[in-house]
C-alpha atoms as a PDB file:
ATOM      1  CA  UNK A   1     -86.188  38.149  99.736  1.00  0.00           C
ATOM      2  CA  UNK A   2     -82.888  37.609 101.558  1.00  0.00           C
ATOM      3  CA  UNK A   3     -82.557  35.888 104.909  1.00  0.00           C
ATOM      4  CA  UNK A   4     -82.526  39.140 106.903  1.00  0.00           C
ATOM      5  CA  UNK A   5     -85.631  40.414 105.146  1.00  0.00           C
ATOM      6  CA  UNK A   6     -87.350  37.073 105.717  1.00  0.00           C
ATOM      7  CA  UNK A   7     -86.741  37.205 109.482  1.00  0.00           C
ATOM      8  CA  UNK A   8     -87.858  40.845 109.615  1.00  0.00           C
ATOM      9  CA  UNK A   9     -90.994  39.931 107.656  1.00  0.00           C
ATOM     10  CA  UNK A  10     -91.822  37.069 110.016  1.00  0.00           C
ATOM     11  CA  UNK A  11     -91.115  39.186 113.117  1.00  0.00           C
ATOM     12  CA  UNK A  12     -93.263  42.081 111.911  1.00  0.00           C
ATOM     13  CA  UNK A  13     -96.059  39.693 110.989  1.00  0.00           C
ATOM     14  CA  UNK A  14     -96.103  38.219 114.491  1.00  0.00           C
ATOM     15  CA  UNK A  15     -95.788  41.551 116.305  1.00  0.00           C
ATOM     16  CA  UNK A  16     -98.620  43.063 114.281  1.00  0.00           C
ATOM     17  CA  UNK A  17    -100.703  39.907 114.195  1.00  0.00           C
ATOM     18  CA  UNK A  18    -101.352  39.812 117.937  1.00  0.00           C
ATOM     19  CA  UNK A  19    -102.795  43.345 118.473  1.00  0.00           C
ATOM     20  CA  UNK A  20    -106.294  42.309 117.328  1.00  0.00           C
ATOM     21  CA  UNK A  21    -106.691  40.012 120.312  1.00  0.00           C
ATOM     22  CA  UNK A  22    -104.891  42.392 122.675  1.00  0.00           C
ATOM     23  CA  UNK A  23    -107.106  45.311 121.662  1.00  0.00           C
ATOM     24  CA  UNK A  24    -110.183  43.157 122.252  1.00  0.00           C
ATOM     25  CA  UNK A  25    -108.910  42.337 125.741  1.00  0.00           C
ATOM     26  CA  UNK A  26    -107.919  45.937 126.502  1.00  0.00           C
ATOM     27  CA  UNK A  27    -111.400  47.143 125.508  1.00  0.00           C
ATOM     28  CA  UNK A  28    -112.816  45.189 128.456  1.00  0.00           C
ATOM     29  CA  UNK A  29    -111.294  47.800 130.759  1.00  0.00           C
ATOM     30  CA  UNK A  30    -110.507  50.953 128.784  1.00  0.00           C
ATOM     31  CA  UNK A  31    -112.005  53.190 126.060  1.00  0.00           C
ATOM     32  CA  UNK A  32    -110.307  53.490 122.636  1.00  0.00           C
ATOM     33  CA  UNK A  33    -108.564  56.847 123.219  1.00  0.00           C
ATOM     34  CA  UNK A  34    -106.994  55.573 126.437  1.00  0.00           C
ATOM     35  CA  UNK A  35    -105.708  52.462 124.687  1.00  0.00           C
ATOM     36  CA  UNK A  36    -104.070  54.565 121.962  1.00  0.00           C
ATOM     37  CA  UNK A  37    -102.534  56.882 124.574  1.00  0.00           C
ATOM     38  CA  UNK A  38    -101.126  53.985 126.583  1.00  0.00           C
ATOM     39  CA  UNK A  39     -99.586  52.405 123.482  1.00  0.00           C
ATOM     40  CA  UNK A  40     -97.748  55.507 122.367  1.00  0.00           C
ATOM     41  CA  UNK A  41     -96.624  56.594 125.837  1.00  0.00           C
ATOM     42  CA  UNK A  42     -95.103  53.186 126.523  1.00  0.00           C
ATOM     43  CA  UNK A  43     -93.541  53.082 123.073  1.00  0.00           C
ATOM     44  CA  UNK A  44     -92.077  56.576 123.377  1.00  0.00           C
ATOM     45  CA  UNK A  45     -90.666  55.872 126.841  1.00  0.00           C
ATOM     46  CA  UNK A  46     -88.912  52.797 125.467  1.00  0.00           C
ATOM     47  CA  UNK A  47     -87.650  54.177 122.148  1.00  0.00           C
ATOM     48  CA  UNK A  48     -86.719  57.840 122.706  1.00  0.00           C
ATOM     49  CA  UNK A  49     -84.021  57.196 125.351  1.00  0.00           C
ATOM     50  CA  UNK A  50     -82.633  54.413 123.170  1.00  0.00           C
ATOM     51  CA  UNK A  51     -82.557  56.706 120.130  1.00  0.00           C
ATOM     52  CA  UNK A  52     -80.920  59.488 122.158  1.00  0.00           C
ATOM     53  CA  UNK A  53     -78.214  57.092 123.336  1.00  0.00           C
ATOM     54  CA  UNK A  54     -77.499  56.141 119.724  1.00  0.00           C
ATOM     55  CA  UNK A  55     -77.497  59.762 118.545  1.00  0.00           C
ATOM     56  CA  UNK A  56     -80.454  59.575 116.169  1.00  0.00           C
ATOM     57  CA  UNK A  57     -82.773  62.207 117.640  1.00  0.00           C
ATOM     58  CA  UNK A  58     -81.208  65.285 116.028  1.00  0.00           C
ATOM     59  CA  UNK A  59     -81.448  63.963 112.482  1.00  0.00           C
ATOM     60  CA  UNK A  60     -85.082  62.950 112.900  1.00  0.00           C
ATOM     61  CA  UNK A  61     -85.975  66.339 114.402  1.00  0.00           C
ATOM     62  CA  UNK A  62     -84.598  68.090 111.320  1.00  0.00           C
ATOM     63  CA  UNK A  63     -87.312  66.322 109.333  1.00  0.00           C
ATOM     64  CA  UNK A  64     -90.060  66.993 111.853  1.00  0.00           C
ATOM     65  CA  UNK A  65     -92.782  67.753 109.241  1.00  0.00           C
ATOM     66  CA  UNK A  66     -92.447  64.229 107.857  1.00  0.00           C
ATOM     67  CA  UNK A  67     -92.257  62.748 111.341  1.00  0.00           C
ATOM     68  CA  UNK A  68     -95.538  64.486 112.194  1.00  0.00           C
ATOM     69  CA  UNK A  69     -97.103  63.347 108.917  1.00  0.00           C
ATOM     70  CA  UNK A  70     -96.023  59.768 109.590  1.00  0.00           C
ATOM     71  CA  UNK A  71     -97.398  59.948 113.127  1.00  0.00           C
ATOM     72  CA  UNK A  72    -100.778  61.163 111.889  1.00  0.00           C
ATOM     73  CA  UNK A  73    -101.338  58.655 109.078  1.00  0.00           C
ATOM     74  CA  UNK A  74     -99.732  55.603 110.732  1.00  0.00           C
ATOM     75  CA  UNK A  75    -100.785  55.980 114.375  1.00  0.00           C
ATOM     76  CA  UNK A  76    -103.035  58.885 115.353  1.00  0.00           C
ATOM     77  CA  UNK A  77    -105.687  58.183 112.726  1.00  0.00           C
ATOM     78  CA  UNK A  78    -105.612  54.415 112.108  1.00  0.00           C
ATOM     79  CA  UNK A  79    -105.255  53.337 115.732  1.00  0.00           C
ATOM     80  CA  UNK A  80    -108.300  55.203 117.000  1.00  0.00           C
ATOM     81  CA  UNK A  81    -110.268  54.081 113.938  1.00  0.00           C
ATOM     82  CA  UNK A  82    -109.285  50.428 114.353  1.00  0.00           C
ATOM     83  CA  UNK A  83    -109.845  50.353 118.112  1.00  0.00           C
ATOM     84  CA  UNK A  84    -113.220  52.078 117.830  1.00  0.00           C
ATOM     85  CA  UNK A  85    -114.326  49.848 114.954  1.00  0.00           C
ATOM     86  CA  UNK A  86    -113.580  46.694 116.960  1.00  0.00           C
ATOM     87  CA  UNK A  87    -116.349  47.791 119.313  1.00  0.00           C
ATOM     88  CA  UNK A  88    -118.786  47.389 116.406  1.00  0.00           C
ATOM     89  CA  UNK A  89    -117.485  44.544 114.226  1.00  0.00           C
ATOM     90  CA  UNK A  90    -115.666  41.251 114.784  1.00  0.00           C
ATOM     91  CA  UNK A  91    -111.885  41.128 114.960  1.00  0.00           C
ATOM     92  CA  UNK A  92    -111.902  38.746 111.982  1.00  0.00           C
ATOM     93  CA  UNK A  93    -113.728  41.246 109.806  1.00  0.00           C
ATOM     94  CA  UNK A  94    -111.401  43.993 111.046  1.00  0.00           C
ATOM     95  CA  UNK A  95    -108.436  41.903 109.940  1.00  0.00           C
ATOM     96  CA  UNK A  96    -109.987  41.243 106.560  1.00  0.00           C
ATOM     97  CA  UNK A  97    -110.524  44.954 105.961  1.00  0.00           C
ATOM     98  CA  UNK A  98    -106.966  45.798 107.005  1.00  0.00           C
ATOM     99  CA  UNK A  99    -105.971  43.202 104.421  1.00  0.00           C
ATOM    100  CA  UNK A 100    -106.882  45.785 101.762  1.00  0.00           C
ATOM    101  CA  UNK A 101    -103.721  47.805 102.592  1.00  0.00           C
ATOM    102  CA  UNK A 102    -101.639  46.462  99.667  1.00  0.00           C
ATOM    103  CA  UNK A 103    -104.409  47.377  97.243  1.00  0.00           C
ATOM    104  CA  UNK A 104    -103.789  51.007  98.201  1.00  0.00           C
ATOM    105  CA  UNK A 105    -100.037  50.693  98.743  1.00  0.00           C
ATOM    106  CA  UNK A 106     -99.082  49.024  95.461  1.00  0.00           C
ATOM    107  CA  UNK A 107    -100.681  51.645  93.153  1.00  0.00           C
ATOM    108  CA  UNK A 108     -99.184  54.400  95.311  1.00  0.00           C
ATOM    109  CA  UNK A 109     -95.712  52.878  95.003  1.00  0.00           C
ATOM    110  CA  UNK A 110     -96.197  52.607  91.238  1.00  0.00           C
ATOM    111  CA  UNK A 111     -97.169  56.284  90.985  1.00  0.00           C
ATOM    112  CA  UNK A 112     -94.065  57.212  92.969  1.00  0.00           C
ATOM    113  CA  UNK A 113     -91.784  55.342  90.601  1.00  0.00           C
ATOM    114  CA  UNK A 114     -91.530  51.718  91.744  1.00  0.00           C
ATOM    115  CA  UNK A 115     -92.606  50.091  88.467  1.00  0.00           C
ATOM    116  CA  UNK A 116     -91.656  46.613  89.672  1.00  0.00           C
ATOM    117  CA  UNK A 117     -94.721  46.388  91.921  1.00  0.00           C
ATOM    118  CA  UNK A 118     -97.021  45.745  88.963  1.00  0.00           C
ATOM    119  CA  UNK A 119     -95.218  42.666  87.713  1.00  0.00           C
ATOM    120  CA  UNK A 120     -97.312  39.555  87.246  1.00  0.00           C
ATOM    121  CA  UNK A 121     -95.737  37.859  90.274  1.00  0.00           C
ATOM    122  CA  UNK A 122     -96.738  40.721  92.562  1.00  0.00           C
ATOM    123  CA  UNK A 123    -100.303  40.842  91.235  1.00  0.00           C
ATOM    124  CA  UNK A 124    -100.726  37.086  91.644  1.00  0.00           C
ATOM    125  CA  UNK A 125     -99.310  37.362  95.141  1.00  0.00           C
ATOM    126  CA  UNK A 126    -101.855  40.047  95.994  1.00  0.00           C
ATOM    127  CA  UNK A 127    -104.746  38.038  94.597  1.00  0.00           C
ATOM    128  CA  UNK A 128    -103.624  34.794  96.254  1.00  0.00           C
ATOM    129  CA  UNK A 129    -103.004  36.475  99.613  1.00  0.00           C
ATOM    130  CA  UNK A 130    -106.360  38.227  99.635  1.00  0.00           C
ATOM    131  CA  UNK A 131    -108.047  34.974  98.631  1.00  0.00           C
ATOM    132  CA  UNK A 132    -106.373  33.405 101.645  1.00  0.00           C
ATOM    133  CA  UNK A 133    -107.765  36.158 103.849  1.00  0.00           C
ATOM    134  CA  UNK A 134    -111.279  35.441 102.635  1.00  0.00           C
ATOM    135  CA  UNK A 135    -110.800  31.717 103.253  1.00  0.00           C
ATOM    136  CA  UNK A 136    -109.440  32.382 106.738  1.00  0.00           C
ATOM    137  CA  UNK A 137    -112.290  34.608 107.794  1.00  0.00           C
ATOM    138  CA  UNK A 138    -114.980  32.596 106.037  1.00  0.00           C
ATOM    139  CA  UNK A 139    -117.508  33.670 103.471  1.00  0.00           C
ATOM    140  CA  UNK A 140    -120.222  33.964 106.115  1.00  0.00           C
ATOM    141  CA  UNK A 141    -118.331  36.860 107.685  1.00  0.00           C
ATOM    142  CA  UNK A 142    -119.968  39.127 105.160  1.00  0.00           C
ATOM    143  CA  UNK A 143    -123.218  38.632 107.042  1.00  0.00           C
ATOM    144  CA  UNK A 144    -121.663  40.967 109.622  1.00  0.00           C
ATOM    145  CA  UNK A 145    -121.476  43.900 107.220  1.00  0.00           C
ATOM    146  CA  UNK A 146    -124.216  45.721 109.110  1.00  0.00           C
ATOM    147  CA  UNK A 147    -122.295  48.753 110.319  1.00  0.00           C
ATOM    148  CA  UNK A 148    -121.243  51.011 107.418  1.00  0.00           C
ATOM    149  CA  UNK A 149    -119.546  53.442 109.804  1.00  0.00           C
ATOM    150  CA  UNK A 150    -117.239  50.758 111.194  1.00  0.00           C
ATOM    151  CA  UNK A 151    -116.466  49.469 107.694  1.00  0.00           C
ATOM    152  CA  UNK A 152    -115.574  52.991 106.583  1.00  0.00           C
ATOM    153  CA  UNK A 153    -113.377  53.474 109.645  1.00  0.00           C
ATOM    154  CA  UNK A 154    -111.404  50.314 108.843  1.00  0.00           C
ATOM    155  CA  UNK A 155    -110.930  51.291 105.201  1.00  0.00           C
ATOM    156  CA  UNK A 156    -109.659  54.721 106.239  1.00  0.00           C
ATOM    157  CA  UNK A 157    -107.226  52.999 108.600  1.00  0.00           C
ATOM    158  CA  UNK A 158    -106.069  50.794 105.709  1.00  0.00           C
ATOM    159  CA  UNK A 159    -105.387  53.866 103.561  1.00  0.00           C
ATOM    160  CA  UNK A 160    -103.333  55.365 106.379  1.00  0.00           C
ATOM    161  CA  UNK A 161    -101.353  52.135 106.720  1.00  0.00           C
ATOM    162  CA  UNK A 162    -100.649  52.240 102.969  1.00  0.00           C
ATOM    163  CA  UNK A 163     -99.499  55.876 102.886  1.00  0.00           C
ATOM    164  CA  UNK A 164     -97.315  55.875 106.028  1.00  0.00           C
ATOM    165  CA  UNK A 165     -94.661  53.385 104.814  1.00  0.00           C
ATOM    166  CA  UNK A 166     -94.236  55.517 101.696  1.00  0.00           C
ATOM    167  CA  UNK A 167     -93.447  58.543 103.861  1.00  0.00           C
ATOM    168  CA  UNK A 168     -90.990  56.473 105.856  1.00  0.00           C
ATOM    169  CA  UNK A 169     -89.365  55.033 102.738  1.00  0.00           C
ATOM    170  CA  UNK A 170     -89.066  58.221 100.664  1.00  0.00           C
ATOM    171  CA  UNK A 171     -88.649  60.936 103.302  1.00  0.00           C
ATOM    172  CA  UNK A 172     -87.305  59.280 106.454  1.00  0.00           C
ATOM    173  CA  UNK A 173     -85.409  56.268 105.169  1.00  0.00           C
ATOM    174  CA  UNK A 174     -81.962  57.649 106.074  1.00  0.00           C
ATOM    175  CA  UNK A 175     -82.914  58.627 109.614  1.00  0.00           C
ATOM    176  CA  UNK A 176     -82.811  56.451 112.704  1.00  0.00           C
ATOM    177  CA  UNK A 177     -85.902  54.242 112.639  1.00  0.00           C
ATOM    178  CA  UNK A 178     -85.949  54.164 116.440  1.00  0.00           C
ATOM    179  CA  UNK A 179     -85.855  57.967 116.625  1.00  0.00           C
ATOM    180  CA  UNK A 180     -88.575  58.414 113.997  1.00  0.00           C
ATOM    181  CA  UNK A 181     -90.856  55.892 115.688  1.00  0.00           C
ATOM    182  CA  UNK A 182     -90.246  57.276 119.187  1.00  0.00           C
ATOM    183  CA  UNK A 183     -90.806  60.902 118.187  1.00  0.00           C
ATOM    184  CA  UNK A 184     -93.917  59.935 116.216  1.00  0.00           C
ATOM    185  CA  UNK A 185     -95.310  58.291 119.333  1.00  0.00           C
ATOM    186  CA  UNK A 186     -94.575  61.439 121.334  1.00  0.00           C
ATOM    187  CA  UNK A 187     -96.584  63.449 118.798  1.00  0.00           C
ATOM    188  CA  UNK A 188     -99.532  61.054 119.074  1.00  0.00           C
ATOM    189  CA  UNK A 189     -99.266  61.084 122.879  1.00  0.00           C
ATOM    190  CA  UNK A 190     -99.667  64.874 122.817  1.00  0.00           C
ATOM    191  CA  UNK A 191    -102.726  64.561 120.579  1.00  0.00           C
ATOM    192  CA  UNK A 192    -104.442  61.975 122.787  1.00  0.00           C
ATOM    193  CA  UNK A 193    -103.279  63.256 126.170  1.00  0.00           C
ATOM    194  CA  UNK A 194    -106.589  64.913 127.091  1.00  0.00           C
ATOM    195  CA  UNK A 195    -109.128  62.385 125.705  1.00  0.00           C
ATOM    196  CA  UNK A 196    -106.961  59.445 126.757  1.00  0.00           C
ATOM    197  CA  UNK A 197    -106.524  60.672 130.312  1.00  0.00           C
ATOM    198  CA  UNK A 198    -110.224  61.514 130.506  1.00  0.00           C
ATOM    199  CA  UNK A 199    -110.974  57.921 129.543  1.00  0.00           C
ATOM    200  CA  UNK A 200    -108.754  56.571 132.300  1.00  0.00           C
ATOM    201  CA  UNK A 201    -110.422  58.912 134.794  1.00  0.00           C
ATOM    202  CA  UNK A 202    -113.886  57.827 133.685  1.00  0.00           C
ATOM    203  CA  UNK A 203    -113.203  54.166 134.462  1.00  0.00           C
ATOM    204  CA  UNK A 204    -111.204  54.780 137.646  1.00  0.00           C
ATOM    205  CA  UNK A 205    -114.240  54.068 139.833  1.00  0.00           C
ATOM    206  CA  UNK A 206    -114.402  50.536 138.415  1.00  0.00           C
ATOM    207  CA  UNK A 207    -110.930  48.944 138.348  1.00  0.00           C
ATOM    208  CA  UNK A 208    -110.042  47.391 135.000  1.00  0.00           C
ATOM    209  CA  UNK A 209    -109.323  43.636 134.880  1.00  0.00           C
ATOM    210  CA  UNK A 210    -105.684  42.646 135.219  1.00  0.00           C
ATOM    211  CA  UNK A 211    -105.885  41.121 131.729  1.00  0.00           C
ATOM    212  CA  UNK A 212    -106.734  44.559 130.307  1.00  0.00           C
ATOM    213  CA  UNK A 213    -103.682  46.110 131.994  1.00  0.00           C
ATOM    214  CA  UNK A 214    -101.427  43.328 130.702  1.00  0.00           C
ATOM    215  CA  UNK A 215    -102.868  43.790 127.212  1.00  0.00           C
ATOM    216  CA  UNK A 216    -102.037  47.516 127.363  1.00  0.00           C
ATOM    217  CA  UNK A 217     -98.465  46.745 128.389  1.00  0.00           C
ATOM    218  CA  UNK A 218     -98.042  44.198 125.586  1.00  0.00           C
ATOM    219  CA  UNK A 219     -99.542  46.603 123.042  1.00  0.00           C
ATOM    220  CA  UNK A 220     -97.047  49.282 124.064  1.00  0.00           C
ATOM    221  CA  UNK A 221     -93.854  47.238 124.355  1.00  0.00           C
ATOM    222  CA  UNK A 222     -94.325  44.530 121.726  1.00  0.00           C
ATOM    223  CA  UNK A 223     -96.872  45.814 119.206  1.00  0.00           C
ATOM    224  CA  UNK A 224     -95.644  49.403 119.232  1.00  0.00           C
ATOM    225  CA  UNK A 225     -92.014  49.890 120.304  1.00  0.00           C
ATOM    226  CA  UNK A 226     -90.619  46.577 119.041  1.00  0.00           C
ATOM    227  CA  UNK A 227     -92.908  46.329 116.012  1.00  0.00           C
ATOM    228  CA  UNK A 228     -92.011  49.718 114.575  1.00  0.00           C
ATOM    229  CA  UNK A 229     -88.288  49.111 115.004  1.00  0.00           C
ATOM    230  CA  UNK A 230     -88.620  45.900 113.008  1.00  0.00           C
ATOM    231  CA  UNK A 231     -90.980  47.418 110.422  1.00  0.00           C
ATOM    232  CA  UNK A 232     -88.646  50.302 109.538  1.00  0.00           C
ATOM    233  CA  UNK A 233     -85.830  47.828 108.952  1.00  0.00           C
ATOM    234  CA  UNK A 234     -88.157  45.774 106.740  1.00  0.00           C
ATOM    235  CA  UNK A 235     -89.001  48.871 104.667  1.00  0.00           C
ATOM    236  CA  UNK A 236     -85.290  49.460 104.111  1.00  0.00           C
ATOM    237  CA  UNK A 237     -84.883  45.878 102.908  1.00  0.00           C
ATOM    238  CA  UNK A 238     -87.892  45.362 100.614  1.00  0.00           C
ATOM    239  CA  UNK A 239     -89.445  48.800 100.026  1.00  0.00           C
ATOM    240  CA  UNK A 240     -92.646  50.375 101.278  1.00  0.00           C
ATOM    241  CA  UNK A 241     -95.098  48.602  98.950  1.00  0.00           C
ATOM    242  CA  UNK A 242     -93.806  45.112  99.705  1.00  0.00           C
ATOM    243  CA  UNK A 243     -93.531  45.867 103.412  1.00  0.00           C
ATOM    244  CA  UNK A 244     -97.306  46.381 103.517  1.00  0.00           C
ATOM    245  CA  UNK A 245     -97.721  42.727 102.524  1.00  0.00           C
ATOM    246  CA  UNK A 246     -97.298  41.808 106.203  1.00  0.00           C
ATOM    247  CA  UNK A 247    -101.036  42.410 106.575  1.00  0.00           C
ATOM    248  CA  UNK A 248    -101.588  38.997 104.956  1.00  0.00           C
ATOM    249  CA  UNK A 249     -99.674  36.798 107.427  1.00  0.00           C
ATOM    250  CA  UNK A 250    -100.796  39.186 110.201  1.00  0.00           C
ATOM    251  CA  UNK A 251    -104.287  37.769 110.041  1.00  0.00           C
ATOM    252  CA  UNK A 252    -102.905  34.240 110.044  1.00  0.00           C
ATOM    253  CA  UNK A 253    -101.116  35.061 113.292  1.00  0.00           C
ATOM    254  CA  UNK A 254    -104.319  36.590 114.646  1.00  0.00           C
ATOM    255  CA  UNK A 255    -106.197  33.353 113.985  1.00  0.00           C
ATOM    256  CA  UNK A 256    -103.457  31.231 115.585  1.00  0.00           C
ATOM    257  CA  UNK A 257    -103.566  33.430 118.699  1.00  0.00           C
ATOM    258  CA  UNK A 258    -107.329  33.102 118.789  1.00  0.00           C
ATOM    259  CA  UNK A 259    -107.144  29.310 118.538  1.00  0.00           C
ATOM    260  CA  UNK A 260    -104.445  28.935 121.195  1.00  0.00           C
ATOM    261  CA  UNK A 261    -105.579  31.518 123.732  1.00  0.00           C
ATOM    262  CA  UNK A 262    -109.218  32.389 123.000  1.00  0.00           C
ATOM    263  CA  UNK A 263    -110.471  28.868 122.249  1.00  0.00           C
ATOM    264  CA  UNK A 264    -111.550  29.727 118.728  1.00  0.00           C
ATOM    265  CA  UNK A 265    -112.140  26.672 116.493  1.00  0.00           C
ATOM    266  CA  UNK A 266    -109.852  25.468 113.697  1.00  0.00           C
ATOM    267  CA  UNK A 267    -111.945  25.916 110.572  1.00  0.00           C
ATOM    268  CA  UNK A 268    -111.666  24.631 107.033  1.00  0.00           C
ATOM    269  CA  UNK A 269    -110.987  28.204 106.005  1.00  0.00           C
ATOM    270  CA  UNK A 270    -107.969  28.256 108.321  1.00  0.00           C
ATOM    271  CA  UNK A 271    -106.517  25.089 106.795  1.00  0.00           C
ATOM    272  CA  UNK A 272    -107.038  26.413 103.250  1.00  0.00           C
ATOM    273  CA  UNK A 273    -106.235  30.054 103.876  1.00  0.00           C
ATOM    274  CA  UNK A 274    -102.933  29.829 105.754  1.00  0.00           C
ATOM    275  CA  UNK A 275    -100.942  28.319 102.844  1.00  0.00           C
ATOM    276  CA  UNK A 276    -102.509  30.841 100.434  1.00  0.00           C
ATOM    277  CA  UNK A 277    -101.563  33.735 102.706  1.00  0.00           C
ATOM    278  CA  UNK A 278     -97.972  32.551 103.130  1.00  0.00           C
ATOM    279  CA  UNK A 279     -97.356  31.856  99.428  1.00  0.00           C
ATOM    280  CA  UNK A 280     -99.124  35.030  98.308  1.00  0.00           C
ATOM    281  CA  UNK A 281     -97.183  37.287 100.668  1.00  0.00           C
ATOM    282  CA  UNK A 282     -93.868  35.732  99.638  1.00  0.00           C
ATOM    283  CA  UNK A 283     -94.661  36.197  95.946  1.00  0.00           C
ATOM    284  CA  UNK A 284     -95.787  39.784  96.361  1.00  0.00           C
ATOM    285  CA  UNK A 285     -92.964  40.887  98.659  1.00  0.00           C
ATOM    286  CA  UNK A 286     -90.070  39.294  96.779  1.00  0.00           C
ATOM    287  CA  UNK A 287     -87.762  41.712  94.980  1.00  0.00           C
ATOM    288  CA  UNK A 288     -86.583  41.037  91.446  1.00  0.00           C
ATOM    289  CA  UNK A 289     -82.952  40.085  91.113  1.00  0.00           C
END
């Protein structure tokens, strides 16, 4: 992994490691559909004018079927599933289940022709990274597996997260990443316009906490607009399968945020799991010379 790819990997890991806490905060004031709508509206408002200024909209529109497909499997489906599931299970368990993304993404990349993903280094990286996830969350987390519906929702979200980078890599790789992301968010905004607005209307009689509003803003600007811009560049550098490895350090970031801002304790699992996550993700995401 070259220096540029390393910085993109770190940036994407941070930007997509903080949404777990932000979603939890946003849920104190808004329903899931409204949170998804707010994210994509903010993201589209930021990215589409920027893409238009750079002249990338026309090229992305020519590939609108793939833009729509990307929007559905990366945002429209997974985001409502993840946000709804966090009403039923802990954020730690949600992160662990999202950690299964590479186990779907690597075989898919292999089927599509990237034979390098099944090298021993990649497999060991996967195993080590997932072991780190288990250490981070703690073995006792499995006592929370009491809601099969929520578990299924998270696994479906993980499959979507595995498929979407492949679409971006193979069908949209030459188009403006900012345009693709912005237009995808516009598609999702259209899908969630009615249920999202209805959710805002339903809670209008009881003003949401300021923290929930700030969480919505951060989800839209940082975890949506900025994160997708960085993620597309990462895909171009390391490929779709390796780009999905960010789910490993993502959870590390989520735990750090929890410790610093939500007063969650530093556990033995944290001290053991963080090095495993970092080493495993570097092994699995590194390209052969």
